């Protein structure tokens, strides 16, 4: 609370103040490791009995054996690799609301 006046002055003088800096590591996979890519306008996920809804998602499914199936929850979270209901490793990323056709073209 004591530092709020300092941040307020900084935001006034510089059009903002850095409060959080996040970095993201990129993951690279060979095309041969990917079994299929599914583009969806709406994705419903279930986790511990609760439903989640996401829109404009690209899901990359990996061939069995590509990734270690015994990845810990922390490693899965860091690499954004999840298990599908059928046990496949899958990576899910967002794409822009109006970009599904552009994504399709880029994948061809």
C-alpha atoms as a PDB file:
ATOM      1  CA  UNK A   1       0.000   0.000   0.000  1.00  0.00           C
ATOM      2  CA  UNK A   2       2.868   2.355   0.769  1.00  0.00           C
ATOM      3  CA  UNK A   3       4.160   2.116  -2.811  1.00  0.00           C
ATOM      4  CA  UNK A   4       0.813   2.954  -4.470  1.00  0.00           C
ATOM      5  CA  UNK A   5       1.509   6.711  -4.715  1.00  0.00           C
ATOM      6  CA  UNK A   6       4.796   5.946  -6.515  1.00  0.00           C
ATOM      7  CA  UNK A   7       3.040   3.664  -9.029  1.00  0.00           C
ATOM      8  CA  UNK A   8       0.265   6.209  -9.510  1.00  0.00           C
ATOM      9  CA  UNK A   9       2.812   8.961 -10.347  1.00  0.00           C
ATOM     10  CA  UNK A  10       4.652   6.606 -12.706  1.00  0.00           C
ATOM     11  CA  UNK A  11       1.430   5.675 -14.490  1.00  0.00           C
ATOM     12  CA  UNK A  12       0.483   9.340 -14.843  1.00  0.00           C
ATOM     13  CA  UNK A  13       3.896  10.354 -16.203  1.00  0.00           C
ATOM     14  CA  UNK A  14       4.643   7.391 -18.488  1.00  0.00           C
ATOM     15  CA  UNK A  15       1.217   6.055 -19.519  1.00  0.00           C
ATOM     16  CA  UNK A  16       1.588   2.994 -17.309  1.00  0.00           C
ATOM     17  CA  UNK A  17       3.739   1.085 -14.864  1.00  0.00           C
ATOM     18  CA  UNK A  18       5.190  -2.409 -15.121  1.00  0.00           C
ATOM     19  CA  UNK A  19       3.492  -4.499 -12.434  1.00  0.00           C
ATOM     20  CA  UNK A  20       4.006  -7.955 -13.910  1.00  0.00           C
ATOM     21  CA  UNK A  21       6.468  -9.307 -16.448  1.00  0.00           C
ATOM     22  CA  UNK A  22       5.782 -12.765 -17.846  1.00  0.00           C
ATOM     23  CA  UNK A  23       7.866 -14.786 -20.260  1.00  0.00           C
ATOM     24  CA  UNK A  24       6.874 -17.774 -22.303  1.00  0.00           C
ATOM     25  CA  UNK A  25       9.107 -20.488 -23.665  1.00  0.00           C
ATOM     26  CA  UNK A  26       8.422 -21.769 -27.154  1.00  0.00           C
ATOM     27  CA  UNK A  27       8.050 -25.466 -27.877  1.00  0.00           C
ATOM     28  CA  UNK A  28       9.029 -26.948 -31.208  1.00  0.00           C
ATOM     29  CA  UNK A  29       7.835 -30.316 -32.517  1.00  0.00           C
ATOM     30  CA  UNK A  30       8.536 -32.081 -35.795  1.00  0.00           C
ATOM     31  CA  UNK A  31       5.590 -32.527 -38.173  1.00  0.00           C
ATOM     32  CA  UNK A  32       6.264 -36.265 -38.020  1.00  0.00           C
ATOM     33  CA  UNK A  33       5.482 -36.254 -34.278  1.00  0.00           C
ATOM     34  CA  UNK A  34       1.982 -34.846 -34.797  1.00  0.00           C
ATOM     35  CA  UNK A  35      -0.776 -37.292 -35.674  1.00  0.00           C
ATOM     36  CA  UNK A  36      -3.480 -34.689 -36.373  1.00  0.00           C
ATOM     37  CA  UNK A  37      -4.525 -31.106 -35.792  1.00  0.00           C
ATOM     38  CA  UNK A  38      -8.130 -30.231 -34.980  1.00  0.00           C
ATOM     39  CA  UNK A  39      -9.459 -26.672 -35.251  1.00  0.00           C
ATOM     40  CA  UNK A  40     -12.579 -25.899 -33.298  1.00  0.00           C
ATOM     41  CA  UNK A  41     -14.732 -22.845 -32.776  1.00  0.00           C
ATOM     42  CA  UNK A  42     -15.939 -24.166 -29.381  1.00  0.00           C
ATOM     43  CA  UNK A  43     -14.174 -26.614 -27.063  1.00  0.00           C
ATOM     44  CA  UNK A  44     -15.788 -28.082 -23.972  1.00  0.00           C
ATOM     45  CA  UNK A  45     -13.355 -29.527 -21.435  1.00  0.00           C
ATOM     46  CA  UNK A  46     -14.096 -31.533 -18.318  1.00  0.00           C
ATOM     47  CA  UNK A  47     -11.769 -31.479 -15.354  1.00  0.00           C
ATOM     48  CA  UNK A  48     -12.623 -32.942 -11.950  1.00  0.00           C
ATOM     49  CA  UNK A  49     -16.309 -32.931 -12.773  1.00  0.00           C
ATOM     50  CA  UNK A  50     -16.441 -29.306 -13.940  1.00  0.00           C
ATOM     51  CA  UNK A  51     -16.965 -28.128 -17.505  1.00  0.00           C
ATOM     52  CA  UNK A  52     -14.857 -25.438 -19.124  1.00  0.00           C
ATOM     53  CA  UNK A  53     -15.624 -23.613 -22.348  1.00  0.00           C
ATOM     54  CA  UNK A  54     -13.083 -22.180 -24.764  1.00  0.00           C
ATOM     55  CA  UNK A  55     -13.463 -20.753 -28.227  1.00  0.00           C
ATOM     56  CA  UNK A  56     -11.193 -20.788 -31.292  1.00  0.00           C
ATOM     57  CA  UNK A  57      -8.800 -23.552 -30.301  1.00  0.00           C
ATOM     58  CA  UNK A  58      -6.203 -25.513 -32.271  1.00  0.00           C
ATOM     59  CA  UNK A  59      -5.499 -28.953 -30.804  1.00  0.00           C
ATOM     60  CA  UNK A  60      -2.339 -30.808 -31.859  1.00  0.00           C
ATOM     61  CA  UNK A  61      -2.455 -34.533 -31.105  1.00  0.00           C
ATOM     62  CA  UNK A  62       0.855 -36.384 -30.861  1.00  0.00           C
ATOM     63  CA  UNK A  63       1.607 -39.928 -31.994  1.00  0.00           C
ATOM     64  CA  UNK A  64       1.738 -42.442 -29.155  1.00  0.00           C
ATOM     65  CA  UNK A  65       5.226 -42.727 -27.748  1.00  0.00           C
ATOM     66  CA  UNK A  66       6.324 -39.264 -28.942  1.00  0.00           C
ATOM     67  CA  UNK A  67       6.216 -37.784 -25.483  1.00  0.00           C
ATOM     68  CA  UNK A  68       6.851 -39.545 -22.224  1.00  0.00           C
ATOM     69  CA  UNK A  69       3.419 -40.643 -20.973  1.00  0.00           C
ATOM     70  CA  UNK A  70       4.675 -40.367 -17.392  1.00  0.00           C
ATOM     71  CA  UNK A  71       5.062 -36.580 -17.464  1.00  0.00           C
ATOM     72  CA  UNK A  72       4.392 -35.026 -14.075  1.00  0.00           C
ATOM     73  CA  UNK A  73       1.601 -32.493 -13.666  1.00  0.00           C
ATOM     74  CA  UNK A  74       4.218 -29.724 -13.308  1.00  0.00           C
ATOM     75  CA  UNK A  75       6.032 -30.758 -16.521  1.00  0.00           C
ATOM     76  CA  UNK A  76       2.701 -31.007 -18.360  1.00  0.00           C
ATOM     77  CA  UNK A  77       1.758 -27.545 -17.141  1.00  0.00           C
ATOM     78  CA  UNK A  78       5.088 -26.013 -18.191  1.00  0.00           C
ATOM     79  CA  UNK A  79       4.987 -27.606 -21.655  1.00  0.00           C
ATOM     80  CA  UNK A  80       1.204 -27.199 -22.064  1.00  0.00           C
ATOM     81  CA  UNK A  81       0.803 -30.888 -22.953  1.00  0.00           C
ATOM     82  CA  UNK A  82      -2.372 -32.527 -21.677  1.00  0.00           C
ATOM     83  CA  UNK A  83      -4.041 -35.934 -21.868  1.00  0.00           C
ATOM     84  CA  UNK A  84      -7.089 -36.358 -24.065  1.00  0.00           C
ATOM     85  CA  UNK A  85      -9.961 -38.542 -22.815  1.00  0.00           C
ATOM     86  CA  UNK A  86      -8.587 -41.351 -25.017  1.00  0.00           C
ATOM     87  CA  UNK A  87      -5.088 -41.021 -23.526  1.00  0.00           C
ATOM     88  CA  UNK A  88      -3.317 -39.121 -26.303  1.00  0.00           C
ATOM     89  CA  UNK A  89      -0.957 -36.279 -25.527  1.00  0.00           C
ATOM     90  CA  UNK A  90      -2.406 -33.034 -26.873  1.00  0.00           C
ATOM     91  CA  UNK A  91      -1.366 -29.382 -26.978  1.00  0.00           C
ATOM     92  CA  UNK A  92      -4.114 -26.755 -27.184  1.00  0.00           C
ATOM     93  CA  UNK A  93      -3.554 -23.168 -28.303  1.00  0.00           C
ATOM     94  CA  UNK A  94      -5.824 -20.216 -29.061  1.00  0.00           C
ATOM     95  CA  UNK A  95      -6.212 -18.525 -32.404  1.00  0.00           C
ATOM     96  CA  UNK A  96      -8.025 -15.317 -33.288  1.00  0.00           C
ATOM     97  CA  UNK A  97     -11.820 -15.269 -33.535  1.00  0.00           C
ATOM     98  CA  UNK A  98     -11.854 -14.541 -37.258  1.00  0.00           C
ATOM     99  CA  UNK A  99      -8.697 -16.453 -38.184  1.00  0.00           C
ATOM    100  CA  UNK A 100      -9.869 -20.056 -38.608  1.00  0.00           C
ATOM    101  CA  UNK A 101      -9.612 -19.856 -42.422  1.00  0.00           C
ATOM    102  CA  UNK A 102      -6.121 -18.334 -42.219  1.00  0.00           C
ATOM    103  CA  UNK A 103      -5.001 -21.091 -39.853  1.00  0.00           C
ATOM    104  CA  UNK A 104      -6.409 -23.761 -42.201  1.00  0.00           C
ATOM    105  CA  UNK A 105      -4.571 -22.213 -45.162  1.00  0.00           C
ATOM    106  CA  UNK A 106      -1.306 -22.019 -43.213  1.00  0.00           C
ATOM    107  CA  UNK A 107      -1.551 -25.716 -42.297  1.00  0.00           C
ATOM    108  CA  UNK A 108      -2.088 -26.915 -45.885  1.00  0.00           C
END
